[in-house]
C-alpha atoms as a PDB file:
ATOM      1  CA  MET A   1      81.545  99.496 101.257  1.00  0.00           C
ATOM      2  CA  MET A   2      82.536 101.726  96.961  1.00  0.00           C
ATOM      3  CA  ALA A   3      80.223 102.198  94.449  1.00  0.00           C
ATOM      4  CA  GLY A   4      82.565 100.591  91.645  1.00  0.00           C
ATOM      5  CA  PHE A   5      85.486  98.238  94.038  1.00  0.00           C
ATOM      6  CA  PRO A   6      84.132  95.204  94.279  1.00  0.00           C
ATOM      7  CA  ASN A   7      84.639  93.423  97.890  1.00  0.00           C
ATOM      8  CA  ASN A   8      86.078  89.776  99.022  1.00  0.00           C
ATOM      9  CA  ASN A   9      82.458  88.429  98.395  1.00  0.00           C
ATOM     10  CA  GLU A  10      82.185  89.625  94.480  1.00  0.00           C
ATOM     11  CA  THR A  11      83.533  88.576  91.850  1.00  0.00           C
ATOM     12  CA  ILE A  12      85.451  90.327  88.799  1.00  0.00           C
ATOM     13  CA  PRO A  13      83.261  89.116  86.042  1.00  0.00           C
ATOM     14  CA  ASN A  14      85.442  87.673  83.312  1.00  0.00           C
ATOM     15  CA  GLU A  15      83.922  90.463  80.079  1.00  0.00           C
ATOM     16  CA  LEU A  16      85.943  93.445  83.489  1.00  0.00           C
ATOM     17  CA  LYS A  17      89.454  91.053  83.781  1.00  0.00           C
ATOM     18  CA  TYR A  18      89.185  90.690  79.507  1.00  0.00           C
ATOM     19  CA  MET A  19      88.899  94.658  78.914  1.00  0.00           C
ATOM     20  CA  GLN A  20      92.003  94.406  82.090  1.00  0.00           C
ATOM     21  CA  MET A  21      93.527  92.293  80.295  1.00  0.00           C
ATOM     22  CA  ILE A  22      93.529  94.464  76.736  1.00  0.00           C
ATOM     23  CA  GLN A  23      93.471  97.575  78.281  1.00  0.00           C
ATOM     24  CA  GLU A  24      97.185  96.682  79.834  1.00  0.00           C
ATOM     25  CA  SER A  25      98.268  94.105  77.279  1.00  0.00           C
ATOM     26  CA  CYS A  26     101.785  95.859  75.627  1.00  0.00           C
ATOM     27  CA  LEU A  27     100.588  96.297  72.070  1.00  0.00           C
ATOM     28  CA  LEU A  28      97.666  98.310  72.563  1.00  0.00           C
ATOM     29  CA  LYS A  29     100.277 100.576  74.477  1.00  0.00           C
ATOM     30  CA  ILE A  30     102.619 100.858  72.518  1.00  0.00           C
ATOM     31  CA  GLY A  31     100.386 101.809  69.702  1.00  0.00           C
ATOM     32  CA  PHE A  32      98.940 104.280  71.028  1.00  0.00           C
ATOM     33  CA  SER A  33     101.619 106.200  71.912  1.00  0.00           C
ATOM     34  CA  SER A  34     103.096 105.760  68.682  1.00  0.00           C
ATOM     35  CA  VAL A  35      99.850 107.156  66.824  1.00  0.00           C
ATOM     36  CA  GLY A  36      99.898 109.649  69.614  1.00  0.00           C
ATOM     37  CA  GLY A  37     103.539 110.450  68.719  1.00  0.00           C
ATOM     38  CA  PHE A  38     103.105 110.660  64.671  1.00  0.00           C
ATOM     39  CA  ALA A  39     100.309 113.422  65.874  1.00  0.00           C
ATOM     40  CA  PHE A  40     102.711 115.622  68.118  1.00  0.00           C
ATOM     41  CA  GLY A  41     105.448 115.083  65.722  1.00  0.00           C
ATOM     42  CA  GLY A  42     102.921 116.016  62.570  1.00  0.00           C
ATOM     43  CA  LEU A  43     102.498 119.333  64.671  1.00  0.00           C
ATOM     44  CA  PHE A  44     105.502 120.613  66.409  1.00  0.00           C
ATOM     45  CA  GLY A  45     107.519 119.575  62.622  1.00  0.00           C
ATOM     46  CA  MET A  46     104.551 121.619  61.541  1.00  0.00           C
ATOM     47  CA  PHE A  47     105.247 124.574  63.164  1.00  0.00           C
ATOM     48  CA  MET A  48     108.827 124.056  63.469  1.00  0.00           C
ATOM     49  CA  SER A  49     109.081 124.107  60.224  1.00  0.00           C
ATOM     50  CA  SER A  50     108.043 128.246  59.470  1.00  0.00           C
ATOM     51  CA  PHE A  51     111.124 129.466  61.351  1.00  0.00           C
ATOM     52  CA  GLU A  52     113.063 127.828  59.305  1.00  0.00           C
ATOM     53  CA  MET A  53     113.292 127.313  55.805  1.00  0.00           C
ATOM     54  CA  ALA A  54     117.453 126.322  55.147  1.00  0.00           C
ATOM     55  CA  SER A  55     115.702 123.345  52.659  1.00  0.00           C
ATOM     56  CA  VAL A  56     115.103 126.001  50.251  1.00  0.00           C
ATOM     57  CA  ASP A  57     116.855 127.577  47.410  1.00  0.00           C
ATOM     58  CA  PRO A  58     117.116 131.361  47.743  1.00  0.00           C
ATOM     59  CA  ALA A  59     115.852 131.756  44.509  1.00  0.00           C
ATOM     60  CA  ILE A  60     112.358 130.458  45.464  1.00  0.00           C
ATOM     61  CA  TYR A  61     112.360 134.526  46.547  1.00  0.00           C
ATOM     62  CA  GLU A  62     112.781 135.475  42.488  1.00  0.00           C
ATOM     63  CA  GLN A  63     109.729 133.375  42.094  1.00  0.00           C
ATOM     64  CA  PRO A  64     106.433 134.385  41.569  1.00  0.00           C
ATOM     65  CA  MET A  65     104.286 134.783  45.163  1.00  0.00           C
ATOM     66  CA  LYS A  66     102.352 130.731  43.744  1.00  0.00           C
ATOM     67  CA  GLN A  67     106.082 129.462  43.599  1.00  0.00           C
ATOM     68  CA  GLN A  68     106.918 130.378  46.798  1.00  0.00           C
ATOM     69  CA  LEU A  69     103.709 129.310  48.903  1.00  0.00           C
ATOM     70  CA  LYS A  70     103.871 125.915  46.790  1.00  0.00           C
ATOM     71  CA  ALA A  71     108.040 125.491  47.581  1.00  0.00           C
ATOM     72  CA  THR A  72     106.431 126.117  50.812  1.00  0.00           C
ATOM     73  CA  ALA A  73     104.040 124.058  51.674  1.00  0.00           C
ATOM     74  CA  LYS A  74     105.929 121.388  49.954  1.00  0.00           C
ATOM     75  CA  ASP A  75     108.663 122.025  52.554  1.00  0.00           C
ATOM     76  CA  MET A  76     106.787 122.074  56.040  1.00  0.00           C
ATOM     77  CA  ALA A  77     104.408 119.077  54.509  1.00  0.00           C
ATOM     78  CA  HIS A  78     108.723 116.957  54.390  1.00  0.00           C
ATOM     79  CA  ARG A  79     109.446 118.511  57.558  1.00  0.00           C
ATOM     80  CA  SER A  80     105.846 117.281  59.610  1.00  0.00           C
ATOM     81  CA  PHE A  81     106.590 114.047  57.888  1.00  0.00           C
ATOM     82  CA  SER A  82     109.852 114.025  58.897  1.00  0.00           C
ATOM     83  CA  MET A  83     109.600 114.720  62.066  1.00  0.00           C
ATOM     84  CA  ALA A  84     106.013 112.772  63.369  1.00  0.00           C
ATOM     85  CA  LYS A  85     108.024 109.644  61.234  1.00  0.00           C
ATOM     86  CA  ASN A  86     110.434 110.128  63.771  1.00  0.00           C
ATOM     87  CA  PHE A  87     107.872 110.458  67.080  1.00  0.00           C
ATOM     88  CA  ALA A  88     106.548 107.628  66.181  1.00  0.00           C
ATOM     89  CA  ILE A  89     108.972 105.770  66.641  1.00  0.00           C
ATOM     90  CA  VAL A  90     110.098 106.948  69.839  1.00  0.00           C
ATOM     91  CA  GLY A  91     107.054 106.860  72.031  1.00  0.00           C
ATOM     92  CA  ALA A  92     107.042 103.226  70.384  1.00  0.00           C
ATOM     93  CA  ILE A  93     110.448 102.724  72.050  1.00  0.00           C
ATOM     94  CA  PHE A  94     109.790 104.261  74.897  1.00  0.00           C
ATOM     95  CA  SER A  95     106.012 102.245  75.796  1.00  0.00           C
ATOM     96  CA  GLY A  96     107.755  99.382  74.957  1.00  0.00           C
ATOM     97  CA  THR A  97     110.504  99.729  77.071  1.00  0.00           C
ATOM     98  CA  GLU A  98     108.428 100.666  79.888  1.00  0.00           C
ATOM     99  CA  CYS A  99     105.884  97.964  78.802  1.00  0.00           C
ATOM    100  CA  ALA A 100     108.649  95.315  79.325  1.00  0.00           C
ATOM    101  CA  ILE A 101     109.830  96.418  82.383  1.00  0.00           C
ATOM    102  CA  GLU A 102     106.789  96.047  84.054  1.00  0.00           C
ATOM    103  CA  THR A 103     106.306  92.951  83.018  1.00  0.00           C
ATOM    104  CA  TYR A 104     109.446  91.766  84.043  1.00  0.00           C
ATOM    105  CA  ILE A 105     109.104  93.323  87.618  1.00  0.00           C
ATOM    106  CA  SER A 106     105.884  91.991  88.281  1.00  0.00           C
ATOM    107  CA  TYR A 107     106.308  88.659  87.214  1.00  0.00           C
ATOM    108  CA  PHE A 108     110.263  87.569  87.833  1.00  0.00           C
ATOM    109  CA  VAL A 109     110.562  90.130  90.991  1.00  0.00           C
ATOM    110  CA  LEU A 110     107.046  90.334  92.921  1.00  0.00           C
ATOM    111  CA  LEU A 111     105.430  87.433  93.401  1.00  0.00           C
END
């Protein structure tokens, strides 16, 4: 017998069963993928905003450096938040669909 793996004679404690149910719940999976997608999308948006500033008025380059930095930071924050929301939505949709298919297969097909 390997350590940590119960054999046929051992029963799994109820606490362990509850922990497994919580870890395998669809809501927790959707929540984790949304939060992860939001974080990754925010970083990706910050990175991508450094390549293009199309939404900033070209007249900003005639302003003092402080105004330019302020406009750049505002654009970066806007793009980061926008990408973060989109990544969170895509992550939630993907995780929810995967969990629904997994649940359907485990309950109806593998009976």
